[in-house]
Amino acid sequence: MELSRKETEDLAYAVSLLENPGFLIKTVNVIGKPVENMLNKMPDSMAKTVINVTDKALGKAVDFAAGTFEDNRPLPAENFLHKMSVAITGGISGMMGMGALAVELPVTTTIMLRSILDIAREEGENPADPETRMAALSVFALGGRSSNDDGSETGYYAVRAALSASVKEAAVYLQKAAIQNTADKTAPALIRLMTAIAERFGITVSQKAMAQAVPLIGAAGGAAINTLFMDHFQDMARGHFIVRRLERKYGYDEIQHKYNLIKDEMQKVRRDNR
C-alpha cells in the first residue's frame, strides 16, 4: 500500500519536528545571549546531579501520569493546558533558583509525561498499554544527545534503535507484571530503560536548569523557559506518535525508508537555500 496524500503530509510534518533544532537552540533564540553564556559554563558536577534527579523524576512520573486518564478514546490533546501548568511550576522555580530543581522537576516531568500520553492517545494509542507508556518515556530521549554518542547518527531513528531493546524488555516486563500484579520499579528491565532515557533527558534538563539560573531571570523567565521545555517535548511527542501511527499501518521498515527520503530532501533544500 502507498501512503495517502494526507499521510505523506503527516510524515513530512513529523520529520520537520523530529529533525529540527533542540531545546537549547530554541531557548537561546528566545531568551538571548545571557542564556548562551551561562550554558557554556555548565560544571560537570551539576550535570551529574541533574541526571540523578532526572532518573528519580522519571520513575515517579509514569504511573501517576498514565493513571489520570479516564477515557482512552483518541480525543484532542490539551497542549495549552499542559503548557500553562508547567509555566506555573517554572515561575515558582525561577523565583527560587537552582535549589528548587529537585522539587520542581518531578512535578514538571509528570505534567509533561501526561501531555505526551495525551498526544499518544490522540494519535490512536492507549495510555494504559505498557508499550505506549514506554514509548511515551522514550520521547524524553529525543532531541538531546547522550554523553555516549559518538557524533555519527543521532537522528530520530538512531535514537530509537539505541533504545529499542530496553523499551521492548521493559514493556514485556510490565505486561507480565500487570497480569501477576507484581510490578517492581527496581526490576533490571526498568532500571536499564530509565538509565538510558535519564542520561539523554538529563542533558536537556541541565540546559533548562542553567537557563533558569541566569541572574535576575526571575519568575517570568522561569515560566518562559518551562513553556519552551514543554513545547519542545510536545513537538517530539507529536512527531514520534505520528510515526508510530503510520508504522502500525505500513510497517516499521517502510515508514523508516520514507522518513529518510523526506529527511534527505529537506536537508538538500536547506543546503540549496544557504
C-alpha atoms as a PDB file:
ATOM      1  CA  MET A   1       0.000   0.000   0.000  1.00  0.00           C
ATOM      2  CA  GLU A   2       1.052   3.563  -0.682  1.00  0.00           C
ATOM      3  CA  LEU A   3       0.670   6.352   1.854  1.00  0.00           C
ATOM      4  CA  SER A   4      -2.214   8.670   1.117  1.00  0.00           C
ATOM      5  CA  ARG A   5      -1.526  12.346   0.435  1.00  0.00           C
ATOM      6  CA  LYS A   6      -2.617  13.231   3.988  1.00  0.00           C
ATOM      7  CA  GLU A   7      -0.405  10.519   5.485  1.00  0.00           C
ATOM      8  CA  THR A   8       2.579  11.714   3.446  1.00  0.00           C
ATOM      9  CA  GLU A   9       1.950  15.257   4.715  1.00  0.00           C
ATOM     10  CA  ASP A  10       1.708  13.911   8.281  1.00  0.00           C
ATOM     11  CA  LEU A  11       5.012  12.080   7.901  1.00  0.00           C
ATOM     12  CA  ALA A  12       6.708  15.182   6.462  1.00  0.00           C
ATOM     13  CA  TYR A  13       5.392  17.166   9.419  1.00  0.00           C
ATOM     14  CA  ALA A  14       6.787  14.543  11.810  1.00  0.00           C
ATOM     15  CA  VAL A  15      10.209  14.725  10.130  1.00  0.00           C
ATOM     16  CA  SER A  16      10.209  18.521  10.389  1.00  0.00           C
ATOM     17  CA  LEU A  17       9.508  18.268  14.130  1.00  0.00           C
ATOM     18  CA  LEU A  18      11.877  15.428  14.991  1.00  0.00           C
ATOM     19  CA  GLU A  19      14.890  16.611  12.993  1.00  0.00           C
ATOM     20  CA  ASN A  20      14.734  20.311  13.904  1.00  0.00           C
ATOM     21  CA  PRO A  21      16.963  22.149  16.435  1.00  0.00           C
ATOM     22  CA  GLY A  22      16.667  21.028  20.039  1.00  0.00           C
ATOM     23  CA  PHE A  23      15.649  22.777  23.223  1.00  0.00           C
ATOM     24  CA  LEU A  24      18.992  24.546  23.699  1.00  0.00           C
ATOM     25  CA  ILE A  25      18.870  26.383  20.371  1.00  0.00           C
ATOM     26  CA  LYS A  26      15.198  27.263  20.806  1.00  0.00           C
ATOM     27  CA  THR A  27      15.900  28.694  24.264  1.00  0.00           C
ATOM     28  CA  VAL A  28      18.844  30.796  23.114  1.00  0.00           C
ATOM     29  CA  ASN A  29      16.784  32.123  20.194  1.00  0.00           C
ATOM     30  CA  VAL A  30      14.014  33.276  22.563  1.00  0.00           C
ATOM     31  CA  ILE A  31      15.875  34.291  25.742  1.00  0.00           C
ATOM     32  CA  GLY A  32      19.085  35.537  24.108  1.00  0.00           C
ATOM     33  CA  LYS A  33      22.818  35.691  24.797  1.00  0.00           C
ATOM     34  CA  PRO A  34      22.740  35.641  28.635  1.00  0.00           C
ATOM     35  CA  VAL A  35      21.428  32.072  28.490  1.00  0.00           C
ATOM     36  CA  GLU A  36      24.007  31.009  25.901  1.00  0.00           C
ATOM     37  CA  ASN A  37      26.855  32.415  28.018  1.00  0.00           C
ATOM     38  CA  MET A  38      25.555  30.649  31.139  1.00  0.00           C
ATOM     39  CA  LEU A  39      25.151  27.323  29.359  1.00  0.00           C
ATOM     40  CA  ASN A  40      28.768  27.398  28.209  1.00  0.00           C
ATOM     41  CA  LYS A  41      29.843  27.442  31.875  1.00  0.00           C
ATOM     42  CA  MET A  42      27.895  24.353  32.990  1.00  0.00           C
ATOM     43  CA  PRO A  43      30.008  22.399  35.536  1.00  0.00           C
ATOM     44  CA  ASP A  44      30.299  18.611  35.169  1.00  0.00           C
ATOM     45  CA  SER A  45      29.214  18.099  38.788  1.00  0.00           C
ATOM     46  CA  MET A  46      25.943  19.851  38.075  1.00  0.00           C
ATOM     47  CA  ALA A  47      25.260  17.655  35.038  1.00  0.00           C
ATOM     48  CA  LYS A  48      25.717  14.516  37.181  1.00  0.00           C
ATOM     49  CA  THR A  49      23.397  15.889  39.878  1.00  0.00           C
ATOM     50  CA  VAL A  50      20.745  16.726  37.287  1.00  0.00           C
ATOM     51  CA  ILE A  51      20.867  13.214  35.797  1.00  0.00           C
ATOM     52  CA  ASN A  52      20.307  11.698  39.272  1.00  0.00           C
ATOM     53  CA  VAL A  53      17.341  13.999  39.897  1.00  0.00           C
ATOM     54  CA  THR A  54      16.024  13.243  36.410  1.00  0.00           C
ATOM     55  CA  ASP A  55      16.195   9.480  36.950  1.00  0.00           C
ATOM     56  CA  LYS A  56      14.084   9.768  40.116  1.00  0.00           C
ATOM     57  CA  ALA A  57      11.621  12.133  38.429  1.00  0.00           C
ATOM     58  CA  LEU A  58      11.042   9.709  35.539  1.00  0.00           C
ATOM     59  CA  GLY A  59      10.487   6.780  37.880  1.00  0.00           C
ATOM     60  CA  LYS A  60       7.786   8.591  39.827  1.00  0.00           C
ATOM     61  CA  ALA A  61       6.049  10.173  36.835  1.00  0.00           C
ATOM     62  CA  VAL A  62       4.999   7.376  34.509  1.00  0.00           C
ATOM     63  CA  ASP A  63       2.399   5.527  36.600  1.00  0.00           C
ATOM     64  CA  PHE A  64       0.866   8.685  38.058  1.00  0.00           C
ATOM     65  CA  ALA A  65       0.541  10.403  34.668  1.00  0.00           C
ATOM     66  CA  ALA A  66      -0.963   7.324  33.000  1.00  0.00           C
ATOM     67  CA  GLY A  67      -3.441   6.922  35.856  1.00  0.00           C
ATOM     68  CA  THR A  68      -5.019  10.339  35.196  1.00  0.00           C
ATOM     69  CA  PHE A  69      -6.806   9.171  32.032  1.00  0.00           C
ATOM     70  CA  GLU A  70     -10.421   8.101  32.471  1.00  0.00           C
ATOM     71  CA  ASP A  71     -11.130   7.867  28.740  1.00  0.00           C
ATOM     72  CA  ASN A  72      -8.742   6.098  26.367  1.00  0.00           C
ATOM     73  CA  ARG A  73     -10.540   7.154  23.179  1.00  0.00           C
ATOM     74  CA  PRO A  74      -8.475   9.273  20.699  1.00  0.00           C
ATOM     75  CA  LEU A  75      -9.527  12.723  21.939  1.00  0.00           C
ATOM     76  CA  PRO A  76      -7.755  16.009  21.020  1.00  0.00           C
ATOM     77  CA  ALA A  77      -4.706  16.664  23.204  1.00  0.00           C
ATOM     78  CA  GLU A  78      -4.892  19.561  25.663  1.00  0.00           C
ATOM     79  CA  ASN A  79      -1.498  21.066  24.804  1.00  0.00           C
ATOM     80  CA  PHE A  80      -2.234  24.598  26.004  1.00  0.00           C
ATOM     81  CA  LEU A  81      -3.453  23.468  29.422  1.00  0.00           C
ATOM     82  CA  HIS A  82      -0.286  21.456  29.973  1.00  0.00           C
ATOM     83  CA  LYS A  83       1.889  24.400  28.882  1.00  0.00           C
ATOM     84  CA  MET A  84       0.128  26.683  31.331  1.00  0.00           C
ATOM     85  CA  SER A  85       0.667  24.150  34.123  1.00  0.00           C
ATOM     86  CA  VAL A  86       4.437  23.924  33.591  1.00  0.00           C
ATOM     87  CA  ALA A  87       4.643  27.700  33.190  1.00  0.00           C
ATOM     88  CA  ILE A  88       3.373  27.972  36.769  1.00  0.00           C
ATOM     89  CA  THR A  89       5.947  25.482  38.089  1.00  0.00           C
ATOM     90  CA  GLY A  90       8.649  27.243  36.081  1.00  0.00           C
ATOM     91  CA  GLY A  91       7.646  30.612  37.504  1.00  0.00           C
ATOM     92  CA  ILE A  92       7.956  29.314  41.049  1.00  0.00           C
ATOM     93  CA  SER A  93      11.304  27.680  40.244  1.00  0.00           C
ATOM     94  CA  GLY A  94      12.547  30.886  38.608  1.00  0.00           C
ATOM     95  CA  MET A  95      11.944  32.797  41.827  1.00  0.00           C
ATOM     96  CA  MET A  96      13.693  30.193  43.984  1.00  0.00           C
ATOM     97  CA  GLY A  97      16.697  29.462  41.756  1.00  0.00           C
ATOM     98  CA  MET A  98      18.675  26.227  41.266  1.00  0.00           C
ATOM     99  CA  GLY A  99      17.764  24.877  44.688  1.00  0.00           C
ATOM    100  CA  ALA A 100      14.183  24.336  43.541  1.00  0.00           C
ATOM    101  CA  LEU A 101      15.106  21.873  40.780  1.00  0.00           C
ATOM    102  CA  ALA A 102      14.737  18.715  42.903  1.00  0.00           C
ATOM    103  CA  VAL A 103      11.224  19.803  43.894  1.00  0.00           C
ATOM    104  CA  GLU A 104      10.108  21.357  40.606  1.00  0.00           C
ATOM    105  CA  LEU A 105      11.431  18.757  38.144  1.00  0.00           C
ATOM    106  CA  PRO A 106       9.305  15.759  39.296  1.00  0.00           C
ATOM    107  CA  VAL A 107       6.166  17.913  39.052  1.00  0.00           C
ATOM    108  CA  THR A 108       7.109  19.331  35.645  1.00  0.00           C
ATOM    109  CA  THR A 109       8.130  15.884  34.350  1.00  0.00           C
ATOM    110  CA  THR A 110       4.813  14.354  35.436  1.00  0.00           C
ATOM    111  CA  ILE A 111       2.834  17.102  33.686  1.00  0.00           C
ATOM    112  CA  MET A 112       4.976  16.692  30.574  1.00  0.00           C
ATOM    113  CA  LEU A 113       4.524  12.936  30.551  1.00  0.00           C
ATOM    114  CA  ARG A 114       0.789  13.423  30.951  1.00  0.00           C
ATOM    115  CA  SER A 115       0.875  15.725  27.902  1.00  0.00           C
ATOM    116  CA  ILE A 116       2.945  13.208  25.922  1.00  0.00           C
ATOM    117  CA  LEU A 117       0.452  10.438  26.707  1.00  0.00           C
ATOM    118  CA  ASP A 118      -2.379  12.806  25.765  1.00  0.00           C
ATOM    119  CA  ILE A 119      -0.785  13.262  22.333  1.00  0.00           C
ATOM    120  CA  ALA A 120      -0.270   9.496  22.060  1.00  0.00           C
ATOM    121  CA  ARG A 121      -3.980   8.986  22.772  1.00  0.00           C
ATOM    122  CA  GLU A 122      -4.920  11.486  20.044  1.00  0.00           C
ATOM    123  CA  GLU A 123      -2.748   9.501  17.616  1.00  0.00           C
ATOM    124  CA  GLY A 124      -4.666   6.309  18.422  1.00  0.00           C
ATOM    125  CA  GLU A 125      -2.703   4.763  21.316  1.00  0.00           C
ATOM    126  CA  ASN A 126      -3.961   3.594  24.690  1.00  0.00           C
ATOM    127  CA  PRO A 127      -2.282   5.293  27.690  1.00  0.00           C
ATOM    128  CA  ALA A 128      -2.999   2.193  29.777  1.00  0.00           C
ATOM    129  CA  ASP A 129      -0.929  -0.018  27.431  1.00  0.00           C
ATOM    130  CA  PRO A 130       2.592  -0.685  28.835  1.00  0.00           C
ATOM    131  CA  GLU A 131       4.081  -0.355  25.332  1.00  0.00           C
ATOM    132  CA  THR A 132       2.518   3.107  24.954  1.00  0.00           C
ATOM    133  CA  ARG A 133       3.870   4.132  28.360  1.00  0.00           C
ATOM    134  CA  MET A 134       7.377   3.038  27.408  1.00  0.00           C
ATOM    135  CA  ALA A 135       7.062   4.837  24.049  1.00  0.00           C
ATOM    136  CA  ALA A 136       5.985   7.968  25.940  1.00  0.00           C
ATOM    137  CA  LEU A 137       9.004   7.746  28.233  1.00  0.00           C
ATOM    138  CA  SER A 138      11.208   7.374  25.159  1.00  0.00           C
ATOM    139  CA  VAL A 139      10.122  10.831  23.999  1.00  0.00           C
ATOM    140  CA  PHE A 140      12.314  12.286  26.750  1.00  0.00           C
ATOM    141  CA  ALA A 141      15.344  10.799  24.977  1.00  0.00           C
ATOM    142  CA  LEU A 142      14.566  12.644  21.736  1.00  0.00           C
ATOM    143  CA  GLY A 143      16.203  15.965  20.985  1.00  0.00           C
ATOM    144  CA  GLY A 144      19.028  15.504  23.497  1.00  0.00           C
ATOM    145  CA  ARG A 145      22.437  13.925  22.995  1.00  0.00           C
ATOM    146  CA  SER A 146      23.887  11.334  25.345  1.00  0.00           C
ATOM    147  CA  SER A 147      27.471  11.521  26.597  1.00  0.00           C
ATOM    148  CA  ASN A 148      27.929   8.144  24.875  1.00  0.00           C
ATOM    149  CA  ASP A 149      27.020   9.486  21.415  1.00  0.00           C
ATOM    150  CA  ASP A 150      29.948   9.224  19.000  1.00  0.00           C
ATOM    151  CA  GLY A 151      28.876  12.141  16.823  1.00  0.00           C
ATOM    152  CA  SER A 152      27.706   9.941  13.935  1.00  0.00           C
ATOM    153  CA  GLU A 153      23.993   9.114  13.809  1.00  0.00           C
ATOM    154  CA  THR A 154      21.955  10.970  16.428  1.00  0.00           C
ATOM    155  CA  GLY A 155      18.740  11.369  14.432  1.00  0.00           C
ATOM    156  CA  TYR A 156      15.297  10.095  15.382  1.00  0.00           C
ATOM    157  CA  TYR A 157      15.601   6.512  14.143  1.00  0.00           C
ATOM    158  CA  ALA A 158      19.148   6.208  15.509  1.00  0.00           C
ATOM    159  CA  VAL A 159      17.909   7.103  18.999  1.00  0.00           C
ATOM    160  CA  ARG A 160      15.018   4.654  18.688  1.00  0.00           C
ATOM    161  CA  ALA A 161      17.399   1.909  17.601  1.00  0.00           C
ATOM    162  CA  ALA A 162      19.638   2.618  20.605  1.00  0.00           C
ATOM    163  CA  LEU A 163      16.675   2.331  22.969  1.00  0.00           C
ATOM    164  CA  SER A 164      14.679  -0.397  21.197  1.00  0.00           C
ATOM    165  CA  ALA A 165      15.948  -3.403  23.174  1.00  0.00           C
ATOM    166  CA  SER A 166      15.421  -1.673  26.543  1.00  0.00           C
ATOM    167  CA  VAL A 167      11.958  -0.403  25.542  1.00  0.00           C
ATOM    168  CA  LYS A 168      10.800  -3.864  24.445  1.00  0.00           C
ATOM    169  CA  GLU A 169      12.251  -5.536  27.540  1.00  0.00           C
ATOM    170  CA  ALA A 170      10.572  -3.030  29.871  1.00  0.00           C
ATOM    171  CA  ALA A 171       7.216  -3.266  28.056  1.00  0.00           C
ATOM    172  CA  VAL A 172       7.238  -7.084  28.237  1.00  0.00           C
ATOM    173  CA  TYR A 173       8.102  -6.929  31.931  1.00  0.00           C
ATOM    174  CA  LEU A 174       5.249  -4.506  32.663  1.00  0.00           C
ATOM    175  CA  GLN A 175       2.744  -6.579  30.686  1.00  0.00           C
ATOM    176  CA  LYS A 176       3.638  -9.710  32.699  1.00  0.00           C
ATOM    177  CA  ALA A 177       3.689  -7.745  35.947  1.00  0.00           C
ATOM    178  CA  ALA A 178       0.248  -6.293  35.236  1.00  0.00           C
ATOM    179  CA  ILE A 179      -1.174  -9.793  34.830  1.00  0.00           C
ATOM    180  CA  GLN A 180       0.516 -11.033  38.007  1.00  0.00           C
ATOM    181  CA  ASN A 181       0.160  -7.717  39.896  1.00  0.00           C
ATOM    182  CA  THR A 182       3.875  -7.785  40.767  1.00  0.00           C
ATOM    183  CA  ALA A 183       5.279  -4.587  39.203  1.00  0.00           C
ATOM    184  CA  ASP A 184       8.577  -3.507  40.781  1.00  0.00           C
ATOM    185  CA  LYS A 185      10.304  -0.273  39.750  1.00  0.00           C
ATOM    186  CA  THR A 186      13.662  -1.760  40.800  1.00  0.00           C
ATOM    187  CA  ALA A 187      13.377  -4.503  38.181  1.00  0.00           C
ATOM    188  CA  PRO A 188      16.505  -4.619  35.959  1.00  0.00           C
ATOM    189  CA  ALA A 189      14.450  -4.151  32.760  1.00  0.00           C
ATOM    190  CA  LEU A 190      13.017  -0.865  34.022  1.00  0.00           C
ATOM    191  CA  ILE A 191      16.296   0.341  35.509  1.00  0.00           C
ATOM    192  CA  ARG A 192      18.126  -0.149  32.203  1.00  0.00           C
ATOM    193  CA  LEU A 193      15.484   1.809  30.290  1.00  0.00           C
ATOM    194  CA  MET A 194      15.240   4.605  32.877  1.00  0.00           C
ATOM    195  CA  THR A 195      19.023   4.979  32.952  1.00  0.00           C
ATOM    196  CA  ALA A 196      19.290   5.219  29.162  1.00  0.00           C
ATOM    197  CA  ILE A 197      16.492   7.794  28.956  1.00  0.00           C
ATOM    198  CA  ALA A 198      17.635   9.766  32.008  1.00  0.00           C
ATOM    199  CA  GLU A 199      21.087  10.253  30.520  1.00  0.00           C
ATOM    200  CA  ARG A 200      19.700  11.848  27.363  1.00  0.00           C
ATOM    201  CA  PHE A 201      16.882  13.727  29.095  1.00  0.00           C
ATOM    202  CA  GLY A 202      19.322  14.923  31.746  1.00  0.00           C
ATOM    203  CA  ILE A 203      21.321  16.850  29.131  1.00  0.00           C
ATOM    204  CA  THR A 204      18.212  18.830  28.197  1.00  0.00           C
ATOM    205  CA  VAL A 205      17.249  19.291  31.860  1.00  0.00           C
ATOM    206  CA  SER A 206      20.759  20.624  32.544  1.00  0.00           C
ATOM    207  CA  GLN A 207      20.248  23.186  29.793  1.00  0.00           C
ATOM    208  CA  LYS A 208      16.914  24.167  31.307  1.00  0.00           C
ATOM    209  CA  ALA A 209      18.362  24.431  34.810  1.00  0.00           C
ATOM    210  CA  MET A 210      21.288  26.572  33.686  1.00  0.00           C
ATOM    211  CA  ALA A 211      18.967  28.849  31.729  1.00  0.00           C
ATOM    212  CA  GLN A 212      16.829  29.325  34.852  1.00  0.00           C
ATOM    213  CA  ALA A 213      19.979  30.048  36.873  1.00  0.00           C
ATOM    214  CA  VAL A 214      20.762  33.177  34.830  1.00  0.00           C
ATOM    215  CA  PRO A 215      20.864  36.066  37.338  1.00  0.00           C
ATOM    216  CA  LEU A 216      17.663  38.104  37.558  1.00  0.00           C
ATOM    217  CA  ILE A 217      15.753  35.811  35.198  1.00  0.00           C
ATOM    218  CA  GLY A 218      13.039  35.586  37.846  1.00  0.00           C
ATOM    219  CA  ALA A 219       9.540  34.146  37.682  1.00  0.00           C
ATOM    220  CA  ALA A 220       8.675  35.407  34.204  1.00  0.00           C
ATOM    221  CA  GLY A 221      11.853  33.918  32.715  1.00  0.00           C
ATOM    222  CA  GLY A 222      11.342  30.645  34.562  1.00  0.00           C
ATOM    223  CA  ALA A 223       7.794  30.406  33.212  1.00  0.00           C
ATOM    224  CA  ALA A 224       9.006  31.155  29.671  1.00  0.00           C
ATOM    225  CA  ILE A 225      11.746  28.519  29.831  1.00  0.00           C
ATOM    226  CA  ASN A 226       9.372  25.875  31.149  1.00  0.00           C
ATOM    227  CA  THR A 227       6.895  26.721  28.382  1.00  0.00           C
ATOM    228  CA  LEU A 228       9.667  26.235  25.815  1.00  0.00           C
ATOM    229  CA  PHE A 229      10.613  22.992  27.588  1.00  0.00           C
ATOM    230  CA  MET A 230       7.056  21.682  27.279  1.00  0.00           C
ATOM    231  CA  ASP A 231       6.703  22.945  23.702  1.00  0.00           C
ATOM    232  CA  HIS A 232       9.880  21.101  22.681  1.00  0.00           C
ATOM    233  CA  PHE A 233       8.744  17.745  24.066  1.00  0.00           C
ATOM    234  CA  GLN A 234       5.196  18.191  22.773  1.00  0.00           C
ATOM    235  CA  ASP A 235       6.768  18.557  19.312  1.00  0.00           C
ATOM    236  CA  MET A 236       8.898  15.445  19.886  1.00  0.00           C
ATOM    237  CA  ALA A 237       5.808  13.533  21.069  1.00  0.00           C
ATOM    238  CA  ARG A 238       3.678  14.635  18.124  1.00  0.00           C
ATOM    239  CA  GLY A 239       6.326  13.571  15.622  1.00  0.00           C
ATOM    240  CA  HIS A 240       7.024  10.288  17.441  1.00  0.00           C
ATOM    241  CA  PHE A 241       3.417   9.177  17.673  1.00  0.00           C
ATOM    242  CA  ILE A 242       2.596  10.209  14.092  1.00  0.00           C
ATOM    243  CA  VAL A 243       5.437   7.926  13.000  1.00  0.00           C
ATOM    244  CA  ARG A 244       4.192   5.107  15.252  1.00  0.00           C
ATOM    245  CA  ARG A 245       0.643   5.501  13.888  1.00  0.00           C
ATOM    246  CA  LEU A 246       1.914   5.116  10.322  1.00  0.00           C
ATOM    247  CA  GLU A 247       4.182   2.207  11.293  1.00  0.00           C
ATOM    248  CA  ARG A 248       1.192   0.325  12.682  1.00  0.00           C
ATOM    249  CA  LYS A 249      -0.447   0.542   9.256  1.00  0.00           C
ATOM    250  CA  TYR A 250       2.511   0.228   6.858  1.00  0.00           C
ATOM    251  CA  GLY A 251       5.263  -1.406   8.908  1.00  0.00           C
ATOM    252  CA  TYR A 252       8.430  -0.104  10.570  1.00  0.00           C
ATOM    253  CA  ASP A 253      10.791  -0.616   7.617  1.00  0.00           C
ATOM    254  CA  GLU A 254       8.517   1.076   5.071  1.00  0.00           C
ATOM    255  CA  ILE A 255       7.984   4.179   7.192  1.00  0.00           C
ATOM    256  CA  GLN A 256      11.662   4.400   8.138  1.00  0.00           C
ATOM    257  CA  HIS A 257      12.538   4.316   4.435  1.00  0.00           C
ATOM    258  CA  LYS A 258      10.043   7.053   3.542  1.00  0.00           C
ATOM    259  CA  TYR A 259      11.076   9.076   6.614  1.00  0.00           C
ATOM    260  CA  ASN A 260      14.705   9.039   5.493  1.00  0.00           C
ATOM    261  CA  LEU A 261      13.771  10.039   1.936  1.00  0.00           C
ATOM    262  CA  ILE A 262      11.839  13.047   3.256  1.00  0.00           C
ATOM    263  CA  LYS A 263      14.662  13.898   5.684  1.00  0.00           C
ATOM    264  CA  ASP A 264      17.261  13.793   2.887  1.00  0.00           C
ATOM    265  CA  GLU A 265      15.102  16.006   0.676  1.00  0.00           C
ATOM    266  CA  MET A 266      14.625  18.545   3.486  1.00  0.00           C
ATOM    267  CA  GLN A 267      18.366  18.639   4.122  1.00  0.00           C
ATOM    268  CA  LYS A 268      19.034  19.154   0.398  1.00  0.00           C
ATOM    269  CA  VAL A 269      16.587  22.079   0.300  1.00  0.00           C
ATOM    270  CA  ARG A 270      18.307  23.652   3.331  1.00  0.00           C
ATOM    271  CA  ARG A 271      21.734  23.306   1.705  1.00  0.00           C
ATOM    272  CA  ASP A 272      20.481  24.799  -1.578  1.00  0.00           C
ATOM    273  CA  ASN A 273      18.989  27.766   0.284  1.00  0.00           C
ATOM    274  CA  ARG A 274      22.230  28.678   2.051  1.00  0.00           C
END
